[in-house]
Amino acid sequence: LFDTRFGHSYAFTDVDEYDYKKSIHQNEVDGATYEFEYITAQTITYVNVFDNDNEYSIVEEVNFETTSQGAHYEIFLIPVDENGAPVNDANSWKSLNSGTVEYQGYHTVDTEDVLIEDDKFAIGVSLKKQNGSGNSIGVSEWLSTGEDNYIFLPQSQKGQSYILFGRENIDVMDFYYDYLDGDAIGGTFVIKAVASSVREMGDCDKDG
């Protein structure tokens, strides 16, 4: 799949049954079509900002994609400022879990049921190079087979994905435009939050 551009094959190691009491916060739907590895910093925090729907507000898991096998990761709940951007002050971040990237692919990490109370929230995946590992995150980015012929055309917008490193706080859409030859299509990080409902749901069709 994506052999010439993204030449990795994946196998499922675990699955969960569908649960109507859960939903997923995501800014893209195609998954990783490319790997965002344009910045070579030792530690980078990749961030997605989500709208809180005030129903599915208990974040149970975070899912992200990376090919940086061996890197150290840490998942953070990051506050959002009045402009909707993640706050670039690690002292205000809440650590949800951490570990080592065991393999190239998608990872689902438990976050111990953190309640989101604000209208917007951000999930950050901080990756640190270890023992020669890379530092990259999956990105839903356009692929093309020729002029104006796109296989994937992401609906990326400003305010969805950010790169935090050092004192830098960069909207990914600005990065694509400023550093990748005026690319206005951009991309969106593959970081998702699985959340359960704050409401008590009953057996509405009485089938047990």
Protein backbone atom coordinates (compact mmCIF):
# COMPACT_ATOMS: atom_id res chain seq x y z
CA LEU A 1 0.00 0.00 0.00
CA PHE A 2 1.51 3.34 -1.13
CA ASP A 3 4.49 1.24 -2.22
CA THR A 4 6.57 3.89 -3.96
CA ARG A 5 5.98 6.67 -1.44
CA PHE A 6 5.19 4.98 1.86
CA GLY A 7 6.61 1.50 1.54
CA HIS A 8 5.49 -0.13 4.78
CA SER A 9 3.04 -2.97 5.36
CA TYR A 10 1.06 -3.28 8.59
CA ALA A 11 -0.46 -6.12 10.58
CA PHE A 12 -3.14 -5.78 13.26
CA THR A 13 -1.98 -7.07 16.64
CA ASP A 14 -5.17 -6.29 18.59
CA VAL A 15 -8.70 -5.03 17.98
CA ASP A 16 -11.58 -3.68 20.07
CA GLU A 17 -15.23 -4.34 19.40
CA TYR A 18 -17.30 -1.35 18.34
CA ASP A 19 -18.75 0.45 21.37
CA TYR A 20 -21.56 2.95 20.77
CA LYS A 21 -20.64 4.69 24.02
CA LYS A 22 -17.35 5.82 22.47
CA SER A 23 -16.40 8.24 19.72
CA ILE A 24 -13.17 9.41 18.14
CA HIS A 25 -11.80 12.93 17.87
CA GLN A 26 -9.78 13.23 14.67
CA ASN A 27 -8.85 15.91 12.16
CA GLU A 28 -8.24 13.52 9.26
CA VAL A 29 -9.87 10.35 8.01
CA ASP A 30 -7.35 8.85 5.55
CA GLY A 31 -4.69 7.93 8.09
CA ALA A 32 -0.98 8.29 7.36
CA THR A 33 -0.25 8.77 3.67
CA TYR A 34 3.23 10.10 4.40
CA GLU A 35 5.64 10.64 7.27
CA PHE A 36 6.29 14.15 8.62
CA GLU A 37 10.06 14.07 9.02
CA TYR A 38 11.01 17.50 7.72
CA ILE A 39 12.48 18.71 11.05
CA THR A 40 15.53 17.03 12.57
CA ALA A 41 15.31 18.30 16.17
CA GLN A 42 16.11 15.86 18.98
CA THR A 43 12.71 16.33 20.63
CA ILE A 44 9.54 17.48 18.90
CA THR A 45 5.97 17.63 20.19
CA TYR A 46 3.40 17.05 17.48
CA VAL A 47 -0.04 18.40 18.41
CA ASN A 48 -3.62 18.15 17.19
CA VAL A 49 -6.27 20.56 18.48
CA PHE A 50 -9.83 19.24 18.78
CA ASP A 51 -13.27 20.67 19.47
CA ASN A 52 -14.86 19.20 22.58
CA ASP A 53 -18.42 18.14 21.75
CA ASN A 54 -19.34 18.15 25.47
CA GLU A 55 -20.64 14.60 25.23
CA TYR A 56 -17.72 12.36 24.31
CA SER A 57 -15.42 14.14 26.71
CA ILE A 58 -13.67 11.37 28.66
CA VAL A 59 -10.47 10.63 26.75
CA GLU A 60 -9.55 6.97 27.29
CA GLU A 61 -6.90 6.45 24.63
CA VAL A 62 -4.69 8.30 22.17
CA ASN A 63 -3.81 6.83 18.81
CA PHE A 64 -0.87 8.02 16.71
CA GLU A 65 1.28 6.77 13.83
CA THR A 66 5.06 6.90 13.61
CA THR A 67 7.92 5.05 11.94
CA SER A 68 10.39 6.20 14.63
CA GLN A 69 11.00 2.79 16.16
CA GLY A 70 13.01 3.05 19.38
CA ALA A 71 12.14 6.69 20.08
CA HIS A 72 10.79 7.74 23.47
CA TYR A 73 7.23 9.07 23.41
CA GLU A 74 5.13 10.95 25.92
CA ILE A 75 1.46 11.83 25.52
CA PHE A 76 0.25 15.18 26.86
CA LEU A 77 -3.05 16.97 27.35
CA ILE A 78 -2.18 20.55 26.39
CA PRO A 79 -4.24 23.66 27.18
CA VAL A 80 -5.34 25.88 24.30
CA ASP A 81 -5.03 29.68 24.33
CA GLU A 82 -7.66 32.25 23.37
CA ASN A 83 -6.64 31.95 19.70
CA GLY A 84 -7.14 28.18 19.67
CA ALA A 85 -3.42 27.36 19.58
CA PRO A 86 -1.70 24.95 22.00
CA VAL A 87 0.17 26.62 24.84
CA ASN A 88 3.92 26.19 24.35
CA ASP A 89 4.73 26.00 28.07
CA ALA A 90 5.43 22.43 29.14
CA ASN A 91 4.80 23.37 32.78
CA SER A 92 1.09 23.67 31.94
CA TRP A 93 0.88 20.30 30.18
CA LYS A 94 -0.59 17.18 31.78
CA SER A 95 1.33 13.97 31.09
CA LEU A 96 -1.02 11.11 30.22
CA ASN A 97 1.40 8.26 29.48
CA SER A 98 4.86 7.53 28.10
CA GLY A 99 6.95 4.70 26.71
CA THR A 100 9.11 3.54 23.82
CA VAL A 101 7.95 3.18 20.22
CA GLU A 102 8.17 -0.59 19.83
CA TYR A 103 7.50 -0.83 16.09
CA GLN A 104 6.73 1.24 13.01
CA GLY A 105 3.01 1.80 12.67
CA TYR A 106 -0.06 2.82 14.64
CA HIS A 107 -0.02 2.90 18.42
CA THR A 108 -2.91 3.14 20.87
CA VAL A 109 -1.96 4.38 24.33
CA ASP A 110 -4.16 4.32 27.45
CA THR A 111 -4.74 7.74 29.03
CA GLU A 112 -6.63 6.65 32.19
CA ASP A 113 -9.93 8.42 31.44
CA VAL A 114 -9.11 12.12 31.57
CA LEU A 115 -12.14 14.45 31.56
CA ILE A 116 -12.08 17.34 29.09
CA GLU A 117 -13.92 20.38 30.41
CA ASP A 118 -12.94 23.14 27.96
CA ASP A 119 -14.47 23.82 24.53
CA LYS A 120 -11.18 23.00 22.81
CA PHE A 121 -8.35 20.71 23.84
CA ALA A 122 -5.04 19.61 22.40
CA ILE A 123 -3.30 16.25 22.44
CA GLY A 124 0.47 16.30 22.02
CA VAL A 125 2.75 13.40 21.15
CA SER A 126 6.28 14.30 22.18
CA LEU A 127 8.93 12.18 20.47
CA LYS A 128 12.59 12.10 21.46
CA LYS A 129 15.27 10.39 19.40
CA GLN A 130 16.96 7.43 21.11
CA ASN A 131 19.90 5.32 19.93
CA GLY A 132 19.76 6.40 16.32
CA SER A 133 15.96 6.38 16.00
CA GLY A 134 14.13 8.92 13.89
CA ASN A 135 11.66 11.53 15.04
CA SER A 136 8.58 11.69 12.86
CA ILE A 137 4.80 11.45 12.96
CA GLY A 138 2.32 10.15 10.43
CA VAL A 139 0.61 12.84 8.39
CA SER A 140 -2.39 12.82 6.10
CA GLU A 141 -0.77 14.54 3.16
CA TRP A 142 -1.73 14.75 -0.50
CA LEU A 143 -0.36 12.23 -2.96
CA SER A 144 -0.36 12.83 -6.69
CA THR A 145 0.01 10.68 -9.80
CA GLY A 146 0.48 13.71 -12.00
CA GLU A 147 -0.47 17.33 -12.49
CA ASP A 148 -3.70 18.09 -10.58
CA ASN A 149 -4.40 14.37 -10.19
CA TYR A 150 -4.57 13.61 -6.48
CA ILE A 151 -5.00 10.21 -4.88
CA PHE A 152 -5.62 11.82 -1.50
CA LEU A 153 -6.61 15.43 -1.02
CA PRO A 154 -6.74 16.28 2.70
CA GLN A 155 -9.20 18.86 3.98
CA SER A 156 -6.50 20.36 6.19
CA GLN A 157 -7.08 23.74 7.76
CA LYS A 158 -5.16 26.13 9.95
CA GLY A 159 -5.64 25.56 13.65
CA GLN A 160 -5.68 21.75 13.47
CA SER A 161 -2.04 20.61 13.76
CA TYR A 162 1.01 22.24 15.33
CA ILE A 163 4.72 21.58 15.79
CA LEU A 164 6.25 22.54 19.15
CA PHE A 165 10.01 22.43 19.71
CA GLY A 166 12.20 24.77 21.68
CA ARG A 167 10.39 28.10 21.60
CA GLU A 168 8.79 27.37 18.24
CA ASN A 169 5.02 27.00 17.97
CA ILE A 170 4.23 26.51 14.28
CA ASP A 171 0.88 25.85 12.63
CA VAL A 172 1.52 22.97 10.22
CA MET A 173 -0.30 24.76 7.39
CA ASP A 174 2.11 27.69 7.77
CA PHE A 175 5.03 25.25 7.74
CA TYR A 176 3.91 23.67 4.48
CA TYR A 177 3.46 27.03 2.83
CA ASP A 178 6.62 28.69 4.14
CA TYR A 179 9.08 25.80 3.95
CA LEU A 180 7.69 23.52 1.22
CA ASP A 181 7.53 25.78 -1.81
CA GLY A 182 4.22 27.47 -1.14
CA ASP A 183 2.26 24.26 -0.58
CA ALA A 184 -1.23 25.51 0.34
CA ILE A 185 -2.83 22.04 0.52
CA GLY A 186 -0.80 21.01 3.56
CA GLY A 187 -1.49 18.05 5.78
CA THR A 188 -2.82 16.96 9.16
CA PHE A 189 -1.10 14.88 11.84
CA VAL A 190 -2.40 11.38 12.53
CA ILE A 191 -3.15 11.87 16.22
CA LYS A 192 -6.58 10.78 17.45
CA ALA A 193 -8.33 10.78 20.82
CA VAL A 194 -10.76 7.96 21.67
CA ALA A 195 -13.35 9.26 24.13
CA SER A 196 -16.34 7.85 25.97
CA SER A 197 -19.60 9.61 26.73
CA VAL A 198 -20.19 11.52 29.94
CA ARG A 199 -23.89 10.57 29.75
CA GLU A 200 -25.48 7.46 31.14
CA MET A 201 -26.85 5.57 28.16
CA GLY A 202 -29.68 3.08 28.59
CA ASP A 203 -31.08 0.20 26.58
CA CYS A 204 -33.19 2.39 24.32
CA ASP A 205 -34.45 -0.40 22.06
CA LYS A 206 -34.88 -2.85 24.97
CA ASP A 207 -33.01 -5.69 23.33
CA GLY A 208 -30.78 -6.32 26.33
